[in-house]
Amino acid sequence: MAEKQSKPNSKAKAKKSSAGKNPVKDDRSQMLEKLNEELKNEKDKYLRLFAEFENFKKRTAKERIELFKTAGQEVIGAILPVLDDFDRAITQTPEERANEIEGFKLIQNKLNDVLKSNGLEVTETKIGDVFDAEIHEAITLIPAQKDSEKGKIIDITEKGYQLGDKIIRFPKVVVGQ
């Protein structure tokens, strides 16, 4: 009988020892799965953070380039009335006195060249063009003499300017109604 008792005890010990190993293996596999999941989450966070940083670098580089392009916008905007005064003075000078203002014209040309070299361009607007609120500023509407003049530019009172692709002053126009 002692043999029979020892056998079940040895089987029980085997069951206990095998049952004891399974929870450890299960704990280890669960821990390994948990660590793998945490690693996966951390890698995902890292990749997202890296992508966000790359986007930040691109955005700031683009903003810096844009800043350099329009850095002198305020100064150039302040000079625009001077350009208008040059144009008015030249157009108001009688032809017989044209020789007297040659130096004045040379100064105007030099100022225009300096501003063009810094990216300033005159916005192309002509009398008879269709009025576009995106690029023109209507200062008044007047009755059109002809039906063909309705919705079109009848007069340009002030030139428009753009610095690169950005309009810094819209052309002021009179529109037929």
C-alpha atoms as a PDB file:
ATOM      1  CA  MET A   1       0.000   0.000   0.000  1.00  0.00           C
ATOM      2  CA  ALA A   2       2.814   2.219   0.645  1.00  0.00           C
ATOM      3  CA  GLU A   3       3.697   1.919  -2.978  1.00  0.00           C
ATOM      4  CA  LYS A   4       0.252   2.983  -4.042  1.00  0.00           C
ATOM      5  CA  GLN A   5       0.380   5.972  -1.768  1.00  0.00           C
ATOM      6  CA  SER A   6       3.778   6.988  -2.969  1.00  0.00           C
ATOM      7  CA  LYS A   7       2.718   6.819  -6.584  1.00  0.00           C
ATOM      8  CA  PRO A   8      -0.237   9.132  -6.210  1.00  0.00           C
ATOM      9  CA  ASN A   9       1.952  11.465  -4.213  1.00  0.00           C
ATOM     10  CA  SER A  10       4.539  11.464  -6.949  1.00  0.00           C
ATOM     11  CA  LYS A  11       1.797  12.162  -9.496  1.00  0.00           C
ATOM     12  CA  ALA A  12       0.449  14.929  -7.297  1.00  0.00           C
ATOM     13  CA  LYS A  13       3.951  16.324  -6.969  1.00  0.00           C
ATOM     14  CA  ALA A  14       4.323  16.183 -10.737  1.00  0.00           C
ATOM     15  CA  LYS A  15       0.983  17.925 -11.149  1.00  0.00           C
ATOM     16  CA  LYS A  16       1.924  20.491  -8.553  1.00  0.00           C
ATOM     17  CA  SER A  17       5.314  21.097 -10.112  1.00  0.00           C
ATOM     18  CA  SER A  18       3.865  21.294 -13.634  1.00  0.00           C
ATOM     19  CA  ALA A  19       1.055  23.497 -12.387  1.00  0.00           C
ATOM     20  CA  GLY A  20       3.642  25.610 -10.613  1.00  0.00           C
ATOM     21  CA  LYS A  21       5.621  26.073 -13.858  1.00  0.00           C
ATOM     22  CA  ASN A  22       2.625  27.088 -15.979  1.00  0.00           C
ATOM     23  CA  PRO A  23       1.716  30.140 -13.915  1.00  0.00           C
ATOM     24  CA  VAL A  24       5.319  31.301 -14.118  1.00  0.00           C
ATOM     25  CA  LYS A  25       5.357  30.755 -17.876  1.00  0.00           C
ATOM     26  CA  ASP A  26       1.989  32.473 -18.174  1.00  0.00           C
ATOM     27  CA  ASP A  27       3.228  35.381 -16.074  1.00  0.00           C
ATOM     28  CA  ARG A  28       6.360  35.635 -18.183  1.00  0.00           C
ATOM     29  CA  SER A  29       4.442  35.482 -21.469  1.00  0.00           C
ATOM     30  CA  GLN A  30       1.934  38.022 -20.199  1.00  0.00           C
ATOM     31  CA  MET A  31       4.767  40.255 -19.058  1.00  0.00           C
ATOM     32  CA  LEU A  32       6.521  39.798 -22.406  1.00  0.00           C
ATOM     33  CA  GLU A  33       3.309  40.659 -24.271  1.00  0.00           C
ATOM     34  CA  LYS A  34       2.815  43.677 -22.032  1.00  0.00           C
ATOM     35  CA  LEU A  35       6.407  44.838 -22.627  1.00  0.00           C
ATOM     36  CA  ASN A  36       6.036  44.300 -26.372  1.00  0.00           C
ATOM     37  CA  GLU A  37       2.833  46.346 -26.352  1.00  0.00           C
ATOM     38  CA  GLU A  38       4.550  49.120 -24.374  1.00  0.00           C
ATOM     39  CA  LEU A  39       7.489  49.023 -26.799  1.00  0.00           C
ATOM     40  CA  LYS A  40       5.087  49.256 -29.735  1.00  0.00           C
ATOM     41  CA  ASN A  41       3.328  52.247 -28.106  1.00  0.00           C
ATOM     42  CA  GLU A  42       6.623  53.971 -27.378  1.00  0.00           C
ATOM     43  CA  LYS A  43       7.811  53.418 -30.965  1.00  0.00           C
ATOM     44  CA  ASP A  44       4.534  54.867 -32.229  1.00  0.00           C
ATOM     45  CA  LYS A  45       4.917  57.895 -29.938  1.00  0.00           C
ATOM     46  CA  TYR A  46       8.497  58.340 -31.133  1.00  0.00           C
ATOM     47  CA  LEU A  47       7.512  58.174 -34.802  1.00  0.00           C
ATOM     48  CA  ARG A  48       4.676  60.667 -34.276  1.00  0.00           C
ATOM     49  CA  LEU A  49       6.948  63.026 -32.369  1.00  0.00           C
ATOM     50  CA  PHE A  50       9.615  62.728 -35.058  1.00  0.00           C
ATOM     51  CA  ALA A  51       7.073  63.442 -37.812  1.00  0.00           C
ATOM     52  CA  GLU A  52       5.712  66.405 -35.872  1.00  0.00           C
ATOM     53  CA  PHE A  53       9.234  67.776 -35.443  1.00  0.00           C
ATOM     54  CA  GLU A  54       9.941  67.367 -39.174  1.00  0.00           C
ATOM     55  CA  ASN A  55       6.718  69.254 -39.982  1.00  0.00           C
ATOM     56  CA  PHE A  56       7.742  71.966 -37.519  1.00  0.00           C
ATOM     57  CA  LYS A  57      11.131  72.327 -39.214  1.00  0.00           C
ATOM     58  CA  LYS A  58       9.528  72.572 -42.671  1.00  0.00           C
ATOM     59  CA  ARG A  59       6.926  75.077 -41.461  1.00  0.00           C
ATOM     60  CA  THR A  60       9.481  77.331 -39.782  1.00  0.00           C
ATOM     61  CA  ALA A  61      11.776  77.196 -42.818  1.00  0.00           C
ATOM     62  CA  LYS A  62       8.851  78.207 -45.033  1.00  0.00           C
ATOM     63  CA  GLU A  63       7.899  81.024 -42.644  1.00  0.00           C
ATOM     64  CA  ARG A  64      11.513  82.229 -42.566  1.00  0.00           C
ATOM     65  CA  ILE A  65      11.671  82.333 -46.367  1.00  0.00           C
ATOM     66  CA  GLU A  66       8.359  84.215 -46.458  1.00  0.00           C
ATOM     67  CA  LEU A  67       9.670  86.649 -43.839  1.00  0.00           C
ATOM     68  CA  PHE A  68      12.766  87.388 -45.908  1.00  0.00           C
ATOM     69  CA  LYS A  69      10.646  87.906 -49.011  1.00  0.00           C
ATOM     70  CA  THR A  70       8.420  90.445 -47.311  1.00  0.00           C
ATOM     71  CA  ALA A  71      10.868  91.850 -44.749  1.00  0.00           C
ATOM     72  CA  GLY A  72      10.860  95.305 -46.309  1.00  0.00           C
ATOM     73  CA  GLN A  73       7.104  95.408 -46.865  1.00  0.00           C
ATOM     74  CA  GLU A  74       6.501  98.179 -44.332  1.00  0.00           C
ATOM     75  CA  VAL A  75       9.333 100.332 -45.656  1.00  0.00           C
ATOM     76  CA  ILE A  76       8.302  99.795 -49.254  1.00  0.00           C
ATOM     77  CA  GLY A  77       4.683 100.507 -48.321  1.00  0.00           C
ATOM     78  CA  ALA A  78       5.788 103.815 -46.821  1.00  0.00           C
ATOM     79  CA  ILE A  79       7.659 104.717 -50.030  1.00  0.00           C
ATOM     80  CA  LEU A  80       4.653 104.081 -52.314  1.00  0.00           C
ATOM     81  CA  PRO A  81       3.139 107.562 -51.768  1.00  0.00           C
ATOM     82  CA  VAL A  82       6.483 109.043 -52.831  1.00  0.00           C
ATOM     83  CA  LEU A  83       6.281 107.056 -56.091  1.00  0.00           C
ATOM     84  CA  ASP A  84       2.751 108.399 -56.588  1.00  0.00           C
ATOM     85  CA  ASP A  85       4.012 111.960 -56.030  1.00  0.00           C
ATOM     86  CA  PHE A  86       6.765 111.444 -58.615  1.00  0.00           C
ATOM     87  CA  ASP A  87       4.178 110.240 -61.157  1.00  0.00           C
ATOM     88  CA  ARG A  88       1.815 113.142 -60.448  1.00  0.00           C
ATOM     89  CA  ALA A  89       4.598 115.713 -60.681  1.00  0.00           C
ATOM     90  CA  ILE A  90       5.800 114.360 -64.020  1.00  0.00           C
ATOM     91  CA  THR A  91       2.301 114.149 -65.528  1.00  0.00           C
ATOM     92  CA  GLN A  92       1.437 117.678 -64.327  1.00  0.00           C
ATOM     93  CA  THR A  93       4.585 119.272 -65.776  1.00  0.00           C
ATOM     94  CA  PRO A  94       3.945 121.088 -69.071  1.00  0.00           C
ATOM     95  CA  GLU A  95       5.855 119.789 -72.101  1.00  0.00           C
ATOM     96  CA  GLU A  96       7.760 123.058 -72.553  1.00  0.00           C
ATOM     97  CA  ARG A  97       9.323 122.573 -69.091  1.00  0.00           C
ATOM     98  CA  ALA A  98      10.236 118.879 -69.622  1.00  0.00           C
ATOM     99  CA  ASN A  99      13.961 119.737 -69.837  1.00  0.00           C
ATOM    100  CA  GLU A 100      13.845 121.260 -66.361  1.00  0.00           C
ATOM    101  CA  ILE A 101      12.750 118.020 -64.717  1.00  0.00           C
ATOM    102  CA  GLU A 102      15.209 115.596 -66.353  1.00  0.00           C
ATOM    103  CA  GLY A 103      17.081 115.124 -63.054  1.00  0.00           C
ATOM    104  CA  PHE A 104      13.758 114.530 -61.339  1.00  0.00           C
ATOM    105  CA  LYS A 105      12.950 111.763 -63.860  1.00  0.00           C
ATOM    106  CA  LEU A 106      16.365 110.163 -63.348  1.00  0.00           C
ATOM    107  CA  ILE A 107      15.769 110.032 -59.587  1.00  0.00           C
ATOM    108  CA  GLN A 108      12.348 108.467 -60.170  1.00  0.00           C
ATOM    109  CA  ASN A 109      13.831 105.840 -62.497  1.00  0.00           C
ATOM    110  CA  LYS A 110      16.567 105.004 -59.994  1.00  0.00           C
ATOM    111  CA  LEU A 111      14.032 104.652 -57.169  1.00  0.00           C
ATOM    112  CA  ASN A 112      11.845 102.424 -59.359  1.00  0.00           C
ATOM    113  CA  ASP A 113      14.842 100.233 -60.239  1.00  0.00           C
ATOM    114  CA  VAL A 114      15.838  99.831 -56.582  1.00  0.00           C
ATOM    115  CA  LEU A 115      12.297  98.863 -55.607  1.00  0.00           C
ATOM    116  CA  LYS A 116      12.004  96.416 -58.521  1.00  0.00           C
ATOM    117  CA  SER A 117      15.268  94.771 -57.507  1.00  0.00           C
ATOM    118  CA  ASN A 118      13.709  94.223 -54.072  1.00  0.00           C
ATOM    119  CA  GLY A 119      10.678  92.468 -55.583  1.00  0.00           C
ATOM    120  CA  LEU A 120       8.186  95.327 -55.979  1.00  0.00           C
ATOM    121  CA  GLU A 121       5.996  95.101 -59.072  1.00  0.00           C
ATOM    122  CA  VAL A 122       3.157  97.254 -60.355  1.00  0.00           C
ATOM    123  CA  THR A 123      -0.142  95.373 -60.442  1.00  0.00           C
ATOM    124  CA  GLU A 124      -1.231  95.285 -64.073  1.00  0.00           C
ATOM    125  CA  THR A 125      -4.524  97.137 -64.366  1.00  0.00           C
ATOM    126  CA  LYS A 126      -5.897  98.771 -67.505  1.00  0.00           C
ATOM    127  CA  ILE A 127      -8.927 100.864 -68.255  1.00  0.00           C
ATOM    128  CA  GLY A 128     -11.545  98.557 -69.742  1.00  0.00           C
ATOM    129  CA  ASP A 129     -10.491  95.498 -67.722  1.00  0.00           C
ATOM    130  CA  VAL A 130     -13.224  93.615 -65.904  1.00  0.00           C
ATOM    131  CA  PHE A 131     -13.402  94.612 -62.234  1.00  0.00           C
ATOM    132  CA  ASP A 132     -12.169  91.854 -59.903  1.00  0.00           C
ATOM    133  CA  ALA A 133     -12.683  92.459 -56.172  1.00  0.00           C
ATOM    134  CA  GLU A 134      -9.794  90.094 -55.399  1.00  0.00           C
ATOM    135  CA  ILE A 135      -7.195  92.355 -57.031  1.00  0.00           C
ATOM    136  CA  HIS A 136      -8.906  95.777 -57.317  1.00  0.00           C
ATOM    137  CA  GLU A 137     -10.344  98.229 -54.828  1.00  0.00           C
ATOM    138  CA  ALA A 138     -13.414 100.064 -56.126  1.00  0.00           C
ATOM    139  CA  ILE A 139     -13.517 103.578 -54.716  1.00  0.00           C
ATOM    140  CA  THR A 140     -16.685 104.554 -56.546  1.00  0.00           C
ATOM    141  CA  LEU A 141     -19.298 103.319 -58.992  1.00  0.00           C
ATOM    142  CA  ILE A 142     -20.437 105.636 -61.755  1.00  0.00           C
ATOM    143  CA  PRO A 143     -23.142 105.176 -64.378  1.00  0.00           C
ATOM    144  CA  ALA A 144     -21.652 103.660 -67.517  1.00  0.00           C
ATOM    145  CA  GLN A 145     -22.000 105.566 -70.780  1.00  0.00           C
ATOM    146  CA  LYS A 146     -22.307 102.303 -72.713  1.00  0.00           C
ATOM    147  CA  ASP A 147     -23.556  98.849 -71.773  1.00  0.00           C
ATOM    148  CA  SER A 148     -20.120  97.456 -72.631  1.00  0.00           C
ATOM    149  CA  GLU A 149     -18.590  99.505 -69.761  1.00  0.00           C
ATOM    150  CA  LYS A 150     -20.771  97.952 -67.058  1.00  0.00           C
ATOM    151  CA  GLY A 151     -18.678  96.066 -64.498  1.00  0.00           C
ATOM    152  CA  LYS A 152     -15.471  97.307 -66.098  1.00  0.00           C
ATOM    153  CA  ILE A 153     -12.775  99.699 -64.927  1.00  0.00           C
ATOM    154  CA  ILE A 154     -13.410 103.236 -66.183  1.00  0.00           C
ATOM    155  CA  ASP A 155     -10.564 105.041 -64.398  1.00  0.00           C
ATOM    156  CA  ILE A 156      -7.530 104.177 -62.273  1.00  0.00           C
ATOM    157  CA  THR A 157      -6.955 106.670 -59.483  1.00  0.00           C
ATOM    158  CA  GLU A 158      -4.012 104.941 -57.795  1.00  0.00           C
ATOM    159  CA  LYS A 159      -1.643 102.198 -58.948  1.00  0.00           C
ATOM    160  CA  GLY A 160      -1.504  98.904 -57.118  1.00  0.00           C
ATOM    161  CA  TYR A 161       1.700  97.176 -56.088  1.00  0.00           C
ATOM    162  CA  GLN A 162       2.693  93.687 -55.096  1.00  0.00           C
ATOM    163  CA  LEU A 163       5.771  92.376 -53.367  1.00  0.00           C
ATOM    164  CA  GLY A 164       6.434  88.939 -54.809  1.00  0.00           C
ATOM    165  CA  ASP A 165       3.043  87.223 -54.900  1.00  0.00           C
ATOM    166  CA  LYS A 166       1.555  89.298 -52.090  1.00  0.00           C
ATOM    167  CA  ILE A 167      -0.442  92.424 -52.930  1.00  0.00           C
ATOM    168  CA  ILE A 168       0.671  95.240 -50.631  1.00  0.00           C
ATOM    169  CA  ARG A 169      -1.598  97.884 -52.139  1.00  0.00           C
ATOM    170  CA  PHE A 170      -4.636  97.257 -54.288  1.00  0.00           C
ATOM    171  CA  PRO A 171      -5.157  99.481 -57.340  1.00  0.00           C
ATOM    172  CA  LYS A 172      -7.935 101.995 -56.638  1.00  0.00           C
ATOM    173  CA  VAL A 173     -10.349 102.099 -59.538  1.00  0.00           C
ATOM    174  CA  VAL A 174     -13.623 103.615 -60.668  1.00  0.00           C
ATOM    175  CA  VAL A 175     -16.093 101.029 -61.942  1.00  0.00           C
ATOM    176  CA  GLY A 176     -18.954 101.465 -64.415  1.00  0.00           C
ATOM    177  CA  GLN A 177     -22.389 100.537 -63.158  1.00  0.00           C
END
